[in-house]
Amino acid sequence: MRFMKFTESHEWVLTSDGHGRVGITAHAQEELGEIVYIEFPKVGQKIESGHEAAVLESTKAAADIYCPVSGTVTSVNPKLKDQVNLINSDPEGEGWLFELELSKTAELELLLEKSAYQALINHQ
């Protein structure tokens, strides 16, 4: 079963069978503006929930991206290396950043459902 959860810092994770695909929300992309460079995590890197996983540079600013759940990075999005604009046009789809094998699936319970995330950004 696949489901998407969100963080208050505007990352998302799409999980399935102990693996997760991580990216930024459309709201985060709008706030950052056009993203022009991505510093990816290293494949094999272990990252704890809430720790920096990647860096995005936009025409406005640089932003740290935090890992929504703990795990080991298994891949980064190869399409983004050649087509960085995918993160601008489809941040919650083809513009995903990296995938990981989850080490603490219970952390998913601490993340927001889509409706709760929408309520959060509507009140900012």
N, C-alpha and C. Protein backbone atom coordinates (compact mmCIF):
# COMPACT_ATOMS: atom_id res chain seq x y z
N MET A 1 0.84 -1.19 0.00
CA MET A 1 0.00 0.00 0.00
C MET A 1 0.89 1.25 0.00
N ARG A 2 0.60 2.18 -0.88
CA ARG A 2 1.38 3.41 -0.99
C ARG A 2 0.59 4.56 -0.36
N PHE A 3 1.28 5.39 0.40
CA PHE A 3 0.64 6.59 0.91
C PHE A 3 1.66 7.69 1.08
N MET A 4 1.18 8.94 0.99
CA MET A 4 2.04 10.10 1.07
C MET A 4 1.78 10.82 2.39
N LYS A 5 2.87 11.17 3.07
CA LYS A 5 2.79 11.94 4.31
C LYS A 5 3.67 13.18 4.15
N PHE A 6 3.42 14.18 4.99
CA PHE A 6 4.06 15.49 4.85
C PHE A 6 4.67 15.94 6.17
N THR A 7 5.67 16.83 6.06
CA THR A 7 6.29 17.42 7.25
C THR A 7 5.87 18.88 7.34
N GLU A 8 6.04 19.44 8.54
CA GLU A 8 5.76 20.87 8.71
C GLU A 8 6.78 21.72 7.99
N SER A 9 7.94 21.14 7.65
CA SER A 9 8.98 21.88 6.92
C SER A 9 8.87 21.67 5.41
N HIS A 10 7.72 21.14 4.96
CA HIS A 10 7.33 21.09 3.55
C HIS A 10 8.04 20.04 2.70
N GLU A 11 8.41 18.91 3.32
CA GLU A 11 8.86 17.76 2.56
C GLU A 11 7.73 16.73 2.54
N TRP A 12 7.80 15.82 1.59
CA TRP A 12 6.84 14.71 1.56
C TRP A 12 7.60 13.40 1.42
N VAL A 13 6.93 12.33 1.82
CA VAL A 13 7.47 10.99 1.61
C VAL A 13 6.33 10.11 1.13
N LEU A 14 6.58 9.40 0.05
CA LEU A 14 5.64 8.43 -0.50
C LEU A 14 6.20 7.06 -0.15
N THR A 15 5.47 6.32 0.67
CA THR A 15 6.02 5.06 1.16
C THR A 15 5.31 3.85 0.56
N SER A 16 6.07 2.79 0.46
CA SER A 16 5.55 1.51 -0.03
C SER A 16 6.52 0.41 0.39
N ASP A 17 6.02 -0.57 1.11
CA ASP A 17 6.81 -1.76 1.47
C ASP A 17 8.18 -1.44 2.09
N GLY A 18 8.20 -0.54 3.05
CA GLY A 18 9.45 -0.25 3.75
C GLY A 18 10.41 0.67 3.03
N HIS A 19 9.98 1.23 1.91
CA HIS A 19 10.80 2.18 1.16
C HIS A 19 10.05 3.50 1.05
N GLY A 20 10.80 4.58 0.88
CA GLY A 20 10.18 5.89 0.75
C GLY A 20 10.83 6.69 -0.36
N ARG A 21 10.02 7.47 -1.04
CA ARG A 21 10.48 8.42 -2.05
C ARG A 21 10.23 9.80 -1.47
N VAL A 22 11.24 10.67 -1.46
CA VAL A 22 11.18 11.96 -0.78
C VAL A 22 11.29 13.11 -1.77
N GLY A 23 10.53 14.16 -1.50
CA GLY A 23 10.61 15.37 -2.31
C GLY A 23 10.11 16.56 -1.51
N ILE A 24 9.98 17.69 -2.20
CA ILE A 24 9.43 18.88 -1.57
C ILE A 24 8.01 19.09 -2.07
N THR A 25 7.23 19.81 -1.29
CA THR A 25 5.84 20.06 -1.67
C THR A 25 5.76 21.19 -2.71
N ALA A 26 4.64 21.25 -3.37
CA ALA A 26 4.39 22.33 -4.32
C ALA A 26 4.46 23.68 -3.61
N HIS A 27 3.99 23.73 -2.38
CA HIS A 27 4.06 24.98 -1.60
C HIS A 27 5.51 25.41 -1.39
N ALA A 28 6.38 24.46 -1.04
CA ALA A 28 7.80 24.77 -0.84
C ALA A 28 8.42 25.29 -2.14
N GLN A 29 8.08 24.65 -3.24
CA GLN A 29 8.63 25.07 -4.53
C GLN A 29 8.20 26.49 -4.85
N GLU A 30 6.93 26.81 -4.60
CA GLU A 30 6.42 28.17 -4.86
C GLU A 30 7.17 29.19 -4.00
N GLU A 31 7.40 28.85 -2.74
CA GLU A 31 8.10 29.76 -1.83
C GLU A 31 9.55 29.98 -2.26
N LEU A 32 10.20 28.92 -2.72
CA LEU A 32 11.61 29.01 -3.12
C LEU A 32 11.79 29.72 -4.46
N GLY A 33 10.81 29.61 -5.33
CA GLY A 33 10.97 30.12 -6.69
C GLY A 33 11.69 29.09 -7.54
N GLU A 34 12.21 29.52 -8.67
CA GLU A 34 12.83 28.58 -9.61
C GLU A 34 14.09 27.96 -9.02
N ILE A 35 14.06 26.64 -8.86
CA ILE A 35 15.21 25.91 -8.33
C ILE A 35 16.18 25.65 -9.49
N VAL A 36 17.45 26.00 -9.26
CA VAL A 36 18.44 25.91 -10.33
C VAL A 36 19.56 24.90 -10.04
N TYR A 37 19.68 24.45 -8.78
CA TYR A 37 20.74 23.51 -8.43
C TYR A 37 20.29 22.65 -7.26
N ILE A 38 20.67 21.36 -7.30
CA ILE A 38 20.33 20.43 -6.22
C ILE A 38 21.60 19.72 -5.76
N GLU A 39 21.83 19.73 -4.46
CA GLU A 39 22.90 18.94 -3.86
C GLU A 39 22.23 17.72 -3.23
N PHE A 40 22.43 16.56 -3.84
CA PHE A 40 21.77 15.33 -3.41
C PHE A 40 22.51 14.67 -2.25
N PRO A 41 21.81 13.83 -1.48
CA PRO A 41 22.52 12.99 -0.51
C PRO A 41 23.28 11.90 -1.26
N LYS A 42 24.20 11.26 -0.59
CA LYS A 42 24.97 10.18 -1.22
C LYS A 42 24.22 8.86 -1.07
N VAL A 43 24.22 8.05 -2.12
CA VAL A 43 23.64 6.72 -2.04
C VAL A 43 24.42 5.94 -0.98
N GLY A 44 23.70 5.27 -0.09
CA GLY A 44 24.32 4.54 1.01
C GLY A 44 24.37 5.35 2.30
N GLN A 45 24.12 6.65 2.22
CA GLN A 45 24.15 7.52 3.39
C GLN A 45 22.97 7.21 4.30
N LYS A 46 23.24 7.10 5.60
CA LYS A 46 22.18 6.92 6.59
C LYS A 46 21.79 8.31 7.09
N ILE A 47 20.48 8.59 7.09
CA ILE A 47 20.00 9.90 7.51
C ILE A 47 18.90 9.70 8.55
N GLU A 48 19.01 10.43 9.63
CA GLU A 48 17.98 10.38 10.67
C GLU A 48 16.85 11.36 10.33
N SER A 49 15.67 11.03 10.80
CA SER A 49 14.52 11.90 10.62
C SER A 49 14.83 13.30 11.15
N GLY A 50 14.49 14.32 10.36
CA GLY A 50 14.71 15.70 10.78
C GLY A 50 16.09 16.24 10.49
N HIS A 51 16.99 15.41 9.99
CA HIS A 51 18.35 15.86 9.67
C HIS A 51 18.43 16.28 8.21
N GLU A 52 19.39 17.16 7.92
CA GLU A 52 19.56 17.64 6.55
C GLU A 52 19.90 16.49 5.61
N ALA A 53 19.18 16.47 4.47
CA ALA A 53 19.41 15.40 3.49
C ALA A 53 19.89 15.94 2.15
N ALA A 54 19.45 17.14 1.81
CA ALA A 54 19.79 17.73 0.51
C ALA A 54 19.77 19.25 0.65
N VAL A 55 20.29 19.92 -0.38
CA VAL A 55 20.26 21.38 -0.43
C VAL A 55 19.73 21.78 -1.80
N LEU A 56 18.78 22.71 -1.79
CA LEU A 56 18.26 23.26 -3.04
C LEU A 56 18.68 24.71 -3.14
N GLU A 57 19.12 25.10 -4.33
CA GLU A 57 19.43 26.51 -4.57
C GLU A 57 18.47 27.02 -5.61
N SER A 58 17.85 28.15 -5.29
CA SER A 58 16.90 28.76 -6.22
C SER A 58 17.40 30.15 -6.58
N THR A 59 16.64 30.81 -7.42
CA THR A 59 17.01 32.17 -7.79
C THR A 59 16.81 33.12 -6.60
N LYS A 60 16.09 32.68 -5.57
CA LYS A 60 15.84 33.51 -4.38
C LYS A 60 16.77 33.19 -3.21
N ALA A 61 17.03 31.87 -2.99
CA ALA A 61 17.74 31.48 -1.77
C ALA A 61 18.22 30.04 -1.87
N ALA A 62 18.98 29.63 -0.87
CA ALA A 62 19.33 28.22 -0.71
C ALA A 62 18.51 27.68 0.45
N ALA A 63 18.11 26.43 0.36
CA ALA A 63 17.28 25.84 1.40
C ALA A 63 17.73 24.42 1.70
N ASP A 64 17.82 24.12 3.00
CA ASP A 64 18.12 22.75 3.41
C ASP A 64 16.84 21.93 3.33
N ILE A 65 16.97 20.69 2.89
CA ILE A 65 15.85 19.77 2.83
C ILE A 65 16.10 18.71 3.89
N TYR A 66 15.10 18.48 4.73
CA TYR A 66 15.24 17.56 5.85
C TYR A 66 14.55 16.24 5.55
N CYS A 67 15.13 15.17 6.03
CA CYS A 67 14.58 13.83 5.79
C CYS A 67 13.35 13.63 6.68
N PRO A 68 12.21 13.27 6.09
CA PRO A 68 10.99 13.10 6.89
C PRO A 68 11.02 11.86 7.79
N VAL A 69 11.78 10.84 7.40
CA VAL A 69 11.89 9.60 8.16
C VAL A 69 13.33 9.09 8.09
N SER A 70 13.72 8.32 9.08
CA SER A 70 15.08 7.78 9.11
C SER A 70 15.23 6.64 8.11
N GLY A 71 16.42 6.56 7.52
CA GLY A 71 16.67 5.47 6.60
C GLY A 71 18.01 5.61 5.89
N THR A 72 18.23 4.70 4.94
CA THR A 72 19.46 4.68 4.14
C THR A 72 19.09 5.02 2.71
N VAL A 73 19.78 6.00 2.14
CA VAL A 73 19.51 6.43 0.77
C VAL A 73 19.86 5.29 -0.20
N THR A 74 18.88 4.94 -1.05
CA THR A 74 19.11 3.86 -2.02
C THR A 74 19.28 4.40 -3.43
N SER A 75 18.76 5.59 -3.71
CA SER A 75 18.94 6.20 -5.04
C SER A 75 18.59 7.67 -4.99
N VAL A 76 19.08 8.41 -5.98
CA VAL A 76 18.68 9.79 -6.19
C VAL A 76 18.02 9.85 -7.56
N ASN A 77 17.21 10.85 -7.79
CA ASN A 77 16.45 10.95 -9.04
C ASN A 77 17.39 11.30 -10.20
N PRO A 78 17.66 10.33 -11.08
CA PRO A 78 18.60 10.59 -12.18
C PRO A 78 18.07 11.63 -13.16
N LYS A 79 16.77 11.74 -13.31
CA LYS A 79 16.21 12.73 -14.24
C LYS A 79 16.53 14.16 -13.82
N LEU A 80 16.59 14.40 -12.49
CA LEU A 80 16.86 15.75 -12.00
C LEU A 80 18.28 16.20 -12.31
N LYS A 81 19.19 15.26 -12.49
CA LYS A 81 20.57 15.65 -12.79
C LYS A 81 20.66 16.34 -14.15
N ASP A 82 19.84 15.89 -15.09
CA ASP A 82 19.83 16.48 -16.43
C ASP A 82 18.72 17.50 -16.63
N GLN A 83 17.64 17.34 -15.88
CA GLN A 83 16.46 18.20 -16.05
C GLN A 83 16.03 18.75 -14.70
N VAL A 84 16.84 19.64 -14.12
CA VAL A 84 16.54 20.19 -12.80
C VAL A 84 15.16 20.86 -12.78
N ASN A 85 14.68 21.29 -13.93
CA ASN A 85 13.40 21.97 -13.98
C ASN A 85 12.21 21.08 -13.58
N LEU A 86 12.40 19.76 -13.59
CA LEU A 86 11.32 18.85 -13.16
C LEU A 86 10.86 19.16 -11.74
N ILE A 87 11.78 19.59 -10.88
CA ILE A 87 11.40 19.90 -9.51
C ILE A 87 10.53 21.16 -9.46
N ASN A 88 10.67 22.02 -10.45
CA ASN A 88 9.85 23.23 -10.51
C ASN A 88 8.46 22.93 -11.10
N SER A 89 8.41 22.06 -12.09
CA SER A 89 7.14 21.78 -12.77
C SER A 89 6.32 20.68 -12.11
N ASP A 90 6.97 19.74 -11.39
CA ASP A 90 6.24 18.61 -10.81
C ASP A 90 6.91 18.18 -9.50
N PRO A 91 6.94 19.06 -8.48
CA PRO A 91 7.66 18.74 -7.25
C PRO A 91 7.11 17.55 -6.47
N GLU A 92 5.83 17.24 -6.64
CA GLU A 92 5.23 16.13 -5.90
C GLU A 92 5.07 14.89 -6.78
N GLY A 93 5.79 14.86 -7.90
CA GLY A 93 5.71 13.72 -8.81
C GLY A 93 7.09 13.41 -9.36
N GLU A 94 7.28 13.71 -10.67
CA GLU A 94 8.55 13.41 -11.34
C GLU A 94 9.74 14.17 -10.76
N GLY A 95 9.49 15.22 -9.99
CA GLY A 95 10.57 16.01 -9.40
C GLY A 95 11.00 15.54 -8.02
N TRP A 96 10.78 14.26 -7.71
CA TRP A 96 11.22 13.72 -6.41
C TRP A 96 12.75 13.81 -6.31
N LEU A 97 13.26 13.78 -5.08
CA LEU A 97 14.69 13.97 -4.85
C LEU A 97 15.47 12.67 -4.66
N PHE A 98 15.03 11.83 -3.72
CA PHE A 98 15.77 10.61 -3.43
C PHE A 98 14.85 9.55 -2.83
N GLU A 99 15.35 8.33 -2.82
CA GLU A 99 14.62 7.21 -2.24
C GLU A 99 15.45 6.61 -1.13
N LEU A 100 14.76 6.04 -0.13
CA LEU A 100 15.48 5.42 0.96
C LEU A 100 14.76 4.19 1.48
N GLU A 101 15.55 3.33 2.09
CA GLU A 101 15.01 2.18 2.81
C GLU A 101 14.77 2.66 4.23
N LEU A 102 13.53 2.56 4.68
CA LEU A 102 13.16 3.09 5.99
C LEU A 102 13.73 2.22 7.11
N SER A 103 14.26 2.87 8.14
CA SER A 103 14.78 2.11 9.28
C SER A 103 13.87 2.20 10.50
N LYS A 104 12.97 3.19 10.52
CA LYS A 104 12.07 3.38 11.67
C LYS A 104 10.67 3.72 11.14
N THR A 105 9.95 2.73 10.68
CA THR A 105 8.65 2.99 10.04
C THR A 105 7.65 3.63 11.00
N ALA A 106 7.83 3.46 12.31
CA ALA A 106 6.93 4.08 13.28
C ALA A 106 6.95 5.60 13.18
N GLU A 107 8.04 6.17 12.66
CA GLU A 107 8.13 7.64 12.50
C GLU A 107 7.07 8.17 11.55
N LEU A 108 6.57 7.33 10.66
CA LEU A 108 5.54 7.78 9.72
C LEU A 108 4.29 8.28 10.45
N GLU A 109 4.03 7.73 11.62
CA GLU A 109 2.86 8.14 12.40
C GLU A 109 2.97 9.59 12.88
N LEU A 110 4.19 10.12 12.93
CA LEU A 110 4.41 11.49 13.40
C LEU A 110 4.21 12.52 12.29
N LEU A 111 4.09 12.06 11.05
CA LEU A 111 3.97 12.98 9.91
C LEU A 111 2.51 13.33 9.65
N LEU A 112 2.31 14.36 8.85
CA LEU A 112 0.97 14.88 8.57
C LEU A 112 0.31 14.18 7.39
N GLU A 113 -0.99 13.96 7.52
CA GLU A 113 -1.80 13.53 6.38
C GLU A 113 -1.98 14.74 5.47
N LYS A 114 -2.39 14.52 4.22
CA LYS A 114 -2.54 15.61 3.25
C LYS A 114 -3.49 16.70 3.77
N SER A 115 -4.60 16.31 4.37
CA SER A 115 -5.58 17.30 4.86
C SER A 115 -4.98 18.17 5.96
N ALA A 116 -4.20 17.57 6.86
CA ALA A 116 -3.57 18.33 7.94
C ALA A 116 -2.50 19.27 7.37
N TYR A 117 -1.76 18.80 6.37
CA TYR A 117 -0.74 19.64 5.74
C TYR A 117 -1.41 20.83 5.03
N GLN A 118 -2.49 20.58 4.33
CA GLN A 118 -3.21 21.67 3.65
C GLN A 118 -3.69 22.71 4.66
N ALA A 119 -4.20 22.25 5.80
CA ALA A 119 -4.64 23.18 6.84
C ALA A 119 -3.47 24.00 7.35
N LEU A 120 -2.30 23.37 7.50
CA LEU A 120 -1.11 24.07 7.97
C LEU A 120 -0.72 25.20 7.01
N ILE A 121 -0.65 24.90 5.72
CA ILE A 121 -0.20 25.95 4.79
C ILE A 121 -1.27 27.01 4.56
N ASN A 122 -2.53 26.67 4.76
CA ASN A 122 -3.60 27.66 4.63
C ASN A 122 -3.60 28.66 5.77
N HIS A 123 -2.97 28.31 6.88
CA HIS A 123 -2.93 29.20 8.06
C HIS A 123 -1.61 29.94 8.19
N GLN A 124 -0.72 29.79 7.23
CA GLN A 124 0.58 30.49 7.33
C GLN A 124 0.48 31.88 6.74
